[in-house]
Amino acid sequence: MNKLIFTMLIMLLFAVSFVSATDYSIEKVAINGLFIENETVALDLGTRAQIDVWVKGFAEKDVKVKAWISGYEYDDVQDVSETFQVSTDTLYRKELYLNIPQDLRLDNKNYKLYIEVSDKKDYVEKVYSVHIQERIHDIIVQDVIIRPGTMTDAGNTLAVQVRLKNYGKRQEQDVKVEVTIPQLGAYSVTYVDFLDSIDSNDNSESTAFIPLKIPKDAPTGDFQIKVKALYSNLNEETEATRMIY
């Protein structure tokens, strides 16, 4: 009898501890505007996902919201809100953003999205499934090489080489690469004939060095070189910039 009473007291203490730890709850979560429960949500590589979290308070507590996807080899993909106070029977929405890395390994395309609300001592957590996939068309400017260097004078000719990488599922053809200095009116263009898909062992390609003439009357100053690659029948584009001095 005493053992039964002792067991019940222990269970009651655990119950009280659990209640005291639940001064807030995760009411609902949306990814890119889609409310999720048990569904798996698809996300694309190289995109920014908006995570909306609704938190309900049952007492006054200072809390923060964290969203993360584990499994990226360099770091967790995560975002954390500022600390805010919840109050009894009040609902709060917090907006977080996750930048899905372009080079996230897709050996296993199914990842876990963790949503956590925590105070200094306790936390509540929910876990959702996300399916991360390649986009059909997706090229980035991987590197820009400028010769003889980023220090130059009026009247000189720069040689600019652009390295592209295809993270898309389709091979791209006739990729147009434009190199400009908008402030000086300098412009040059070349083409990359083929750029293999992400499934290939070699999905990167470099242009030949593209000549870019600096006008003789160019003023002294810092100028931006703008690189633009147009692909998928010129319907898609990606950009990068570098500075010259």
C-alpha atoms as a PDB file:
ATOM      1  CA  MET A   1       0.000   0.000   0.000  1.00  0.00           C
ATOM      2  CA  ASN A   2       2.772   2.398   0.978  1.00  0.00           C
ATOM      3  CA  LYS A   3       4.618   1.485  -2.224  1.00  0.00           C
ATOM      4  CA  LEU A   4       1.530   2.314  -4.289  1.00  0.00           C
ATOM      5  CA  ILE A   5       1.128   5.677  -2.536  1.00  0.00           C
ATOM      6  CA  PHE A   6       4.811   6.452  -3.089  1.00  0.00           C
ATOM      7  CA  THR A   7       4.510   5.586  -6.784  1.00  0.00           C
ATOM      8  CA  MET A   8       1.451   7.804  -7.156  1.00  0.00           C
ATOM      9  CA  LEU A   9       3.247  10.694  -5.454  1.00  0.00           C
ATOM     10  CA  ILE A  10       6.192  10.328  -7.820  1.00  0.00           C
ATOM     11  CA  MET A  11       3.832  10.329 -10.806  1.00  0.00           C
ATOM     12  CA  LEU A  12       2.097  13.420  -9.451  1.00  0.00           C
ATOM     13  CA  LEU A  13       5.408  15.216  -9.044  1.00  0.00           C
ATOM     14  CA  PHE A  14       6.326  14.394 -12.638  1.00  0.00           C
ATOM     15  CA  ALA A  15       2.932  15.665 -13.769  1.00  0.00           C
ATOM     16  CA  VAL A  16       3.388  18.946 -11.881  1.00  0.00           C
ATOM     17  CA  SER A  17       6.887  19.324 -13.309  1.00  0.00           C
ATOM     18  CA  PHE A  18       5.550  18.751 -16.827  1.00  0.00           C
ATOM     19  CA  VAL A  19       2.801  21.337 -16.351  1.00  0.00           C
ATOM     20  CA  SER A  20       5.232  23.907 -14.996  1.00  0.00           C
ATOM     21  CA  ALA A  21       7.412  23.364 -18.064  1.00  0.00           C
ATOM     22  CA  THR A  22       4.541  23.962 -20.468  1.00  0.00           C
ATOM     23  CA  ASP A  23       3.959  27.661 -20.047  1.00  0.00           C
ATOM     24  CA  TYR A  24       3.771  27.876 -23.833  1.00  0.00           C
ATOM     25  CA  SER A  25       3.092  25.633 -26.811  1.00  0.00           C
ATOM     26  CA  ILE A  26       3.708  25.453 -30.552  1.00  0.00           C
ATOM     27  CA  GLU A  27       0.217  25.845 -31.975  1.00  0.00           C
ATOM     28  CA  LYS A  28       0.922  25.658 -35.709  1.00  0.00           C
ATOM     29  CA  VAL A  29       3.721  25.928 -38.259  1.00  0.00           C
ATOM     30  CA  ALA A  30       3.713  27.035 -41.891  1.00  0.00           C
ATOM     31  CA  ILE A  31       6.454  26.645 -44.502  1.00  0.00           C
ATOM     32  CA  ASN A  32       6.246  29.119 -47.372  1.00  0.00           C
ATOM     33  CA  GLY A  33       2.611  29.732 -46.481  1.00  0.00           C
ATOM     34  CA  LEU A  34       1.638  26.042 -46.241  1.00  0.00           C
ATOM     35  CA  PHE A  35       0.421  24.838 -42.853  1.00  0.00           C
ATOM     36  CA  ILE A  36       1.949  21.484 -41.960  1.00  0.00           C
ATOM     37  CA  GLU A  37       1.098  18.647 -39.617  1.00  0.00           C
ATOM     38  CA  ASN A  38       2.112  15.200 -40.836  1.00  0.00           C
ATOM     39  CA  GLU A  39       2.787  16.171 -44.446  1.00  0.00           C
ATOM     40  CA  THR A  40       6.230  16.290 -46.039  1.00  0.00           C
ATOM     41  CA  VAL A  41       6.978  19.672 -47.598  1.00  0.00           C
ATOM     42  CA  ALA A  42       9.239  20.018 -50.649  1.00  0.00           C
ATOM     43  CA  LEU A  43      11.997  22.652 -50.638  1.00  0.00           C
ATOM     44  CA  ASP A  44      14.426  23.522 -53.431  1.00  0.00           C
ATOM     45  CA  LEU A  45      18.182  23.835 -53.141  1.00  0.00           C
ATOM     46  CA  GLY A  46      19.445  27.386 -53.119  1.00  0.00           C
ATOM     47  CA  THR A  47      16.153  28.920 -52.006  1.00  0.00           C
ATOM     48  CA  ARG A  48      15.031  30.810 -48.920  1.00  0.00           C
ATOM     49  CA  ALA A  49      12.246  29.149 -46.956  1.00  0.00           C
ATOM     50  CA  GLN A  50       9.936  31.221 -44.779  1.00  0.00           C
ATOM     51  CA  ILE A  51       9.006  29.469 -41.536  1.00  0.00           C
ATOM     52  CA  ASP A  52       6.057  30.897 -39.594  1.00  0.00           C
ATOM     53  CA  VAL A  53       5.599  29.623 -36.038  1.00  0.00           C
ATOM     54  CA  TRP A  54       2.583  30.375 -33.840  1.00  0.00           C
ATOM     55  CA  VAL A  55       3.307  30.220 -30.121  1.00  0.00           C
ATOM     56  CA  LYS A  56       0.601  30.262 -27.455  1.00  0.00           C
ATOM     57  CA  GLY A  57       1.351  31.418 -23.934  1.00  0.00           C
ATOM     58  CA  PHE A  58      -0.153  29.935 -20.764  1.00  0.00           C
ATOM     59  CA  ALA A  59       1.853  32.131 -18.384  1.00  0.00           C
ATOM     60  CA  GLU A  60       4.271  35.012 -18.599  1.00  0.00           C
ATOM     61  CA  LYS A  61       7.625  33.781 -19.923  1.00  0.00           C
ATOM     62  CA  ASP A  62      10.533  35.156 -21.924  1.00  0.00           C
ATOM     63  CA  VAL A  63      11.069  32.771 -24.822  1.00  0.00           C
ATOM     64  CA  LYS A  64      12.625  32.525 -28.256  1.00  0.00           C
ATOM     65  CA  VAL A  65      11.866  30.425 -31.329  1.00  0.00           C
ATOM     66  CA  LYS A  66      14.447  28.430 -33.252  1.00  0.00           C
ATOM     67  CA  ALA A  67      14.085  26.574 -36.556  1.00  0.00           C
ATOM     68  CA  TRP A  68      16.800  24.361 -38.002  1.00  0.00           C
ATOM     69  CA  ILE A  69      17.592  21.570 -40.424  1.00  0.00           C
ATOM     70  CA  SER A  70      20.503  19.365 -39.419  1.00  0.00           C
ATOM     71  CA  GLY A  71      22.730  17.381 -41.750  1.00  0.00           C
ATOM     72  CA  TYR A  72      24.604  20.121 -43.632  1.00  0.00           C
ATOM     73  CA  GLU A  73      28.297  19.246 -43.437  1.00  0.00           C
ATOM     74  CA  TYR A  74      29.487  22.779 -42.673  1.00  0.00           C
ATOM     75  CA  ASP A  75      26.878  23.857 -40.124  1.00  0.00           C
ATOM     76  CA  ASP A  76      23.223  23.544 -39.200  1.00  0.00           C
ATOM     77  CA  VAL A  77      20.840  25.519 -41.376  1.00  0.00           C
ATOM     78  CA  GLN A  78      19.094  27.622 -38.746  1.00  0.00           C
ATOM     79  CA  ASP A  79      17.429  30.852 -37.697  1.00  0.00           C
ATOM     80  CA  VAL A  80      16.520  32.115 -34.224  1.00  0.00           C
ATOM     81  CA  SER A  81      14.052  34.816 -33.225  1.00  0.00           C
ATOM     82  CA  GLU A  82      14.703  37.574 -30.761  1.00  0.00           C
ATOM     83  CA  THR A  83      13.628  36.908 -27.175  1.00  0.00           C
ATOM     84  CA  PHE A  84      10.015  37.932 -26.541  1.00  0.00           C
ATOM     85  CA  GLN A  85       7.509  37.599 -23.723  1.00  0.00           C
ATOM     86  CA  VAL A  86       4.414  35.412 -23.943  1.00  0.00           C
ATOM     87  CA  SER A  87       1.336  35.995 -21.786  1.00  0.00           C
ATOM     88  CA  THR A  88      -1.599  33.821 -20.755  1.00  0.00           C
ATOM     89  CA  ASP A  89      -4.015  32.854 -23.541  1.00  0.00           C
ATOM     90  CA  THR A  90      -2.199  34.982 -26.101  1.00  0.00           C
ATOM     91  CA  LEU A  91      -1.052  33.808 -29.542  1.00  0.00           C
ATOM     92  CA  TYR A  92       2.150  35.044 -31.169  1.00  0.00           C
ATOM     93  CA  ARG A  93       3.504  34.577 -34.693  1.00  0.00           C
ATOM     94  CA  LYS A  94       7.232  34.562 -35.334  1.00  0.00           C
ATOM     95  CA  GLU A  95       8.723  34.667 -38.824  1.00  0.00           C
ATOM     96  CA  LEU A  96      12.014  32.859 -39.457  1.00  0.00           C
ATOM     97  CA  TYR A  97      13.983  32.174 -42.626  1.00  0.00           C
ATOM     98  CA  LEU A  98      16.151  29.227 -43.632  1.00  0.00           C
ATOM     99  CA  ASN A  99      18.580  29.560 -46.528  1.00  0.00           C
ATOM    100  CA  ILE A 100      18.767  26.100 -48.082  1.00  0.00           C
ATOM    101  CA  PRO A 101      22.399  25.638 -49.183  1.00  0.00           C
ATOM    102  CA  GLN A 102      23.073  25.173 -52.865  1.00  0.00           C
ATOM    103  CA  ASP A 103      25.595  22.420 -52.083  1.00  0.00           C
ATOM    104  CA  LEU A 104      23.546  20.453 -49.552  1.00  0.00           C
ATOM    105  CA  ARG A 105      24.192  16.757 -50.179  1.00  0.00           C
ATOM    106  CA  LEU A 106      21.163  14.936 -51.522  1.00  0.00           C
ATOM    107  CA  ASP A 107      22.225  11.332 -50.943  1.00  0.00           C
ATOM    108  CA  ASN A 108      19.145  11.268 -48.743  1.00  0.00           C
ATOM    109  CA  LYS A 109      16.693  13.934 -49.858  1.00  0.00           C
ATOM    110  CA  ASN A 110      14.526  13.625 -46.750  1.00  0.00           C
ATOM    111  CA  TYR A 111      15.531  15.881 -43.885  1.00  0.00           C
ATOM    112  CA  LYS A 112      14.030  16.878 -40.546  1.00  0.00           C
ATOM    113  CA  LEU A 113      12.901  20.400 -39.722  1.00  0.00           C
ATOM    114  CA  TYR A 114      13.085  21.111 -35.995  1.00  0.00           C
ATOM    115  CA  ILE A 115      10.985  23.844 -34.391  1.00  0.00           C
ATOM    116  CA  GLU A 116      11.830  24.707 -30.799  1.00  0.00           C
ATOM    117  CA  VAL A 117      10.434  27.260 -28.367  1.00  0.00           C
ATOM    118  CA  SER A 118      12.531  27.671 -25.234  1.00  0.00           C
ATOM    119  CA  ASP A 119      13.060  29.747 -22.126  1.00  0.00           C
ATOM    120  CA  LYS A 120      16.069  29.652 -19.790  1.00  0.00           C
ATOM    121  CA  LYS A 121      15.146  26.248 -18.343  1.00  0.00           C
ATOM    122  CA  ASP A 122      12.634  24.427 -20.526  1.00  0.00           C
ATOM    123  CA  TYR A 123      11.603  23.963 -24.119  1.00  0.00           C
ATOM    124  CA  VAL A 124       8.981  22.430 -26.378  1.00  0.00           C
ATOM    125  CA  GLU A 125       9.803  21.002 -29.772  1.00  0.00           C
ATOM    126  CA  LYS A 126       8.090  19.720 -32.893  1.00  0.00           C
ATOM    127  CA  VAL A 127       9.711  17.867 -35.776  1.00  0.00           C
ATOM    128  CA  TYR A 128       8.554  17.875 -39.400  1.00  0.00           C
ATOM    129  CA  SER A 129       9.705  16.115 -42.561  1.00  0.00           C
ATOM    130  CA  VAL A 130      10.999  18.107 -45.523  1.00  0.00           C
ATOM    131  CA  HIS A 131      12.001  16.828 -48.954  1.00  0.00           C
ATOM    132  CA  ILE A 132      14.872  18.829 -50.442  1.00  0.00           C
ATOM    133  CA  GLN A 133      15.353  18.614 -54.185  1.00  0.00           C
ATOM    134  CA  GLU A 134      17.205  20.132 -57.118  1.00  0.00           C
ATOM    135  CA  ARG A 135      15.548  22.721 -59.301  1.00  0.00           C
ATOM    136  CA  ILE A 136      15.172  21.969 -63.005  1.00  0.00           C
ATOM    137  CA  HIS A 137      17.209  25.017 -64.077  1.00  0.00           C
ATOM    138  CA  ASP A 138      19.735  26.393 -61.602  1.00  0.00           C
ATOM    139  CA  ILE A 139      23.092  27.917 -62.528  1.00  0.00           C
ATOM    140  CA  ILE A 140      25.312  29.978 -60.239  1.00  0.00           C
ATOM    141  CA  VAL A 141      28.385  32.110 -60.863  1.00  0.00           C
ATOM    142  CA  GLN A 142      30.954  30.128 -58.921  1.00  0.00           C
ATOM    143  CA  ASP A 143      33.939  32.415 -59.426  1.00  0.00           C
ATOM    144  CA  VAL A 144      35.128  35.497 -61.297  1.00  0.00           C
ATOM    145  CA  ILE A 145      38.820  35.899 -62.166  1.00  0.00           C
ATOM    146  CA  ILE A 146      40.117  39.315 -63.224  1.00  0.00           C
ATOM    147  CA  ARG A 147      43.518  39.793 -64.867  1.00  0.00           C
ATOM    148  CA  PRO A 148      45.904  41.454 -64.382  1.00  0.00           C
ATOM    149  CA  GLY A 149      44.015  42.300 -61.171  1.00  0.00           C
ATOM    150  CA  THR A 150      41.389  44.490 -59.577  1.00  0.00           C
ATOM    151  CA  MET A 151      43.696  47.546 -59.594  1.00  0.00           C
ATOM    152  CA  THR A 152      43.617  49.172 -63.031  1.00  0.00           C
ATOM    153  CA  ASP A 153      43.879  52.472 -64.921  1.00  0.00           C
ATOM    154  CA  ALA A 154      41.809  54.244 -67.545  1.00  0.00           C
ATOM    155  CA  GLY A 155      42.462  52.915 -71.046  1.00  0.00           C
ATOM    156  CA  ASN A 156      43.517  49.449 -69.880  1.00  0.00           C
ATOM    157  CA  THR A 157      41.862  46.220 -70.941  1.00  0.00           C
ATOM    158  CA  LEU A 158      40.853  43.711 -68.296  1.00  0.00           C
ATOM    159  CA  ALA A 159      40.540  39.990 -68.963  1.00  0.00           C
ATOM    160  CA  VAL A 160      37.611  38.475 -67.074  1.00  0.00           C
ATOM    161  CA  GLN A 161      37.033  34.738 -66.719  1.00  0.00           C
ATOM    162  CA  VAL A 162      33.746  33.448 -65.329  1.00  0.00           C
ATOM    163  CA  ARG A 163      33.263  29.995 -63.848  1.00  0.00           C
ATOM    164  CA  LEU A 164      29.711  28.652 -63.842  1.00  0.00           C
ATOM    165  CA  LYS A 165      28.254  25.690 -61.980  1.00  0.00           C
ATOM    166  CA  ASN A 166      25.012  23.931 -62.836  1.00  0.00           C
ATOM    167  CA  TYR A 167      23.000  22.728 -59.837  1.00  0.00           C
ATOM    168  CA  GLY A 168      19.948  22.052 -61.999  1.00  0.00           C
ATOM    169  CA  LYS A 169      18.605  18.715 -63.209  1.00  0.00           C
ATOM    170  CA  ARG A 170      18.872  19.711 -66.881  1.00  0.00           C
ATOM    171  CA  GLN A 171      21.899  20.187 -69.083  1.00  0.00           C
ATOM    172  CA  GLU A 172      22.072  23.792 -70.250  1.00  0.00           C
ATOM    173  CA  GLN A 173      23.115  24.923 -73.717  1.00  0.00           C
ATOM    174  CA  ASP A 174      24.157  28.282 -75.152  1.00  0.00           C
ATOM    175  CA  VAL A 175      24.565  30.018 -71.813  1.00  0.00           C
ATOM    176  CA  LYS A 176      25.078  33.729 -72.457  1.00  0.00           C
ATOM    177  CA  VAL A 177      27.625  35.421 -70.200  1.00  0.00           C
ATOM    178  CA  GLU A 178      27.659  39.221 -70.050  1.00  0.00           C
ATOM    179  CA  VAL A 179      30.371  41.255 -68.322  1.00  0.00           C
ATOM    180  CA  THR A 180      29.731  44.957 -67.800  1.00  0.00           C
ATOM    181  CA  ILE A 181      30.858  48.010 -65.884  1.00  0.00           C
ATOM    182  CA  PRO A 182      27.577  49.937 -65.892  1.00  0.00           C
ATOM    183  CA  GLN A 183      29.070  53.222 -64.605  1.00  0.00           C
ATOM    184  CA  LEU A 184      31.578  53.301 -67.486  1.00  0.00           C
ATOM    185  CA  GLY A 185      29.474  51.822 -70.276  1.00  0.00           C
ATOM    186  CA  ALA A 186      31.932  48.929 -70.731  1.00  0.00           C
ATOM    187  CA  TYR A 187      30.371  45.721 -72.069  1.00  0.00           C
ATOM    188  CA  SER A 188      31.477  42.343 -73.394  1.00  0.00           C
ATOM    189  CA  VAL A 189      29.773  38.995 -73.973  1.00  0.00           C
ATOM    190  CA  THR A 190      30.583  35.350 -74.639  1.00  0.00           C
ATOM    191  CA  TYR A 191      28.782  31.993 -74.636  1.00  0.00           C
ATOM    192  CA  VAL A 192      29.223  28.633 -72.921  1.00  0.00           C
ATOM    193  CA  ASP A 193      28.064  25.930 -75.326  1.00  0.00           C
ATOM    194  CA  PHE A 194      27.215  23.202 -72.809  1.00  0.00           C
ATOM    195  CA  LEU A 195      26.915  22.960 -69.044  1.00  0.00           C
ATOM    196  CA  ASP A 196      26.177  19.473 -67.720  1.00  0.00           C
ATOM    197  CA  SER A 197      23.537  18.835 -65.051  1.00  0.00           C
ATOM    198  CA  ILE A 198      24.169  18.273 -61.350  1.00  0.00           C
ATOM    199  CA  ASP A 199      24.023  14.513 -61.949  1.00  0.00           C
ATOM    200  CA  SER A 200      27.203  14.731 -64.017  1.00  0.00           C
ATOM    201  CA  ASN A 201      30.674  14.291 -62.565  1.00  0.00           C
ATOM    202  CA  ASP A 202      31.646  17.636 -64.099  1.00  0.00           C
ATOM    203  CA  ASN A 203      28.921  20.252 -63.845  1.00  0.00           C
ATOM    204  CA  SER A 204      31.240  23.284 -63.895  1.00  0.00           C
ATOM    205  CA  GLU A 205      32.606  25.203 -66.863  1.00  0.00           C
ATOM    206  CA  SER A 206      34.793  28.271 -67.298  1.00  0.00           C
ATOM    207  CA  THR A 207      34.587  30.823 -70.075  1.00  0.00           C
ATOM    208  CA  ALA A 208      37.600  31.951 -72.016  1.00  0.00           C
ATOM    209  CA  PHE A 209      39.039  35.230 -70.755  1.00  0.00           C
ATOM    210  CA  ILE A 210      36.653  37.971 -71.857  1.00  0.00           C
ATOM    211  CA  PRO A 211      38.275  41.318 -72.810  1.00  0.00           C
ATOM    212  CA  LEU A 212      36.732  44.342 -71.105  1.00  0.00           C
ATOM    213  CA  LYS A 213      38.034  47.737 -72.203  1.00  0.00           C
ATOM    214  CA  ILE A 214      38.201  50.544 -69.639  1.00  0.00           C
ATOM    215  CA  PRO A 215      37.459  53.875 -71.400  1.00  0.00           C
ATOM    216  CA  LYS A 216      40.408  56.251 -71.683  1.00  0.00           C
ATOM    217  CA  ASP A 217      38.392  59.014 -70.081  1.00  0.00           C
ATOM    218  CA  ALA A 218      37.221  56.889 -67.143  1.00  0.00           C
ATOM    219  CA  PRO A 219      37.416  58.868 -63.896  1.00  0.00           C
ATOM    220  CA  THR A 220      39.380  57.673 -60.912  1.00  0.00           C
ATOM    221  CA  GLY A 221      37.299  55.678 -58.455  1.00  0.00           C
ATOM    222  CA  ASP A 222      35.860  52.347 -57.434  1.00  0.00           C
ATOM    223  CA  PHE A 223      33.679  50.585 -59.981  1.00  0.00           C
ATOM    224  CA  GLN A 224      31.571  47.460 -59.996  1.00  0.00           C
ATOM    225  CA  ILE A 225      32.006  44.706 -62.561  1.00  0.00           C
ATOM    226  CA  LYS A 226      28.691  42.974 -63.076  1.00  0.00           C
ATOM    227  CA  VAL A 227      28.573  39.404 -64.389  1.00  0.00           C
ATOM    228  CA  LYS A 228      25.293  37.991 -65.646  1.00  0.00           C
ATOM    229  CA  ALA A 229      24.647  34.475 -66.992  1.00  0.00           C
ATOM    230  CA  LEU A 230      21.431  33.912 -68.953  1.00  0.00           C
ATOM    231  CA  TYR A 231      20.253  30.342 -69.540  1.00  0.00           C
ATOM    232  CA  SER A 232      17.197  28.155 -70.230  1.00  0.00           C
ATOM    233  CA  ASN A 233      16.594  29.942 -73.555  1.00  0.00           C
ATOM    234  CA  LEU A 234      17.523  33.215 -71.813  1.00  0.00           C
ATOM    235  CA  ASN A 235      14.512  32.918 -69.500  1.00  0.00           C
ATOM    236  CA  GLU A 236      16.609  32.452 -66.337  1.00  0.00           C
ATOM    237  CA  GLU A 237      19.526  34.487 -65.081  1.00  0.00           C
ATOM    238  CA  THR A 238      22.068  34.622 -62.292  1.00  0.00           C
ATOM    239  CA  GLU A 239      24.421  37.439 -61.320  1.00  0.00           C
ATOM    240  CA  ALA A 240      27.592  38.212 -59.425  1.00  0.00           C
ATOM    241  CA  THR A 241      29.588  41.387 -58.860  1.00  0.00           C
ATOM    242  CA  ARG A 242      33.217  42.271 -58.237  1.00  0.00           C
ATOM    243  CA  MET A 243      34.907  45.586 -57.508  1.00  0.00           C
ATOM    244  CA  ILE A 244      37.798  47.206 -59.382  1.00  0.00           C
ATOM    245  CA  TYR A 245      39.763  50.193 -58.130  1.00  0.00           C
END
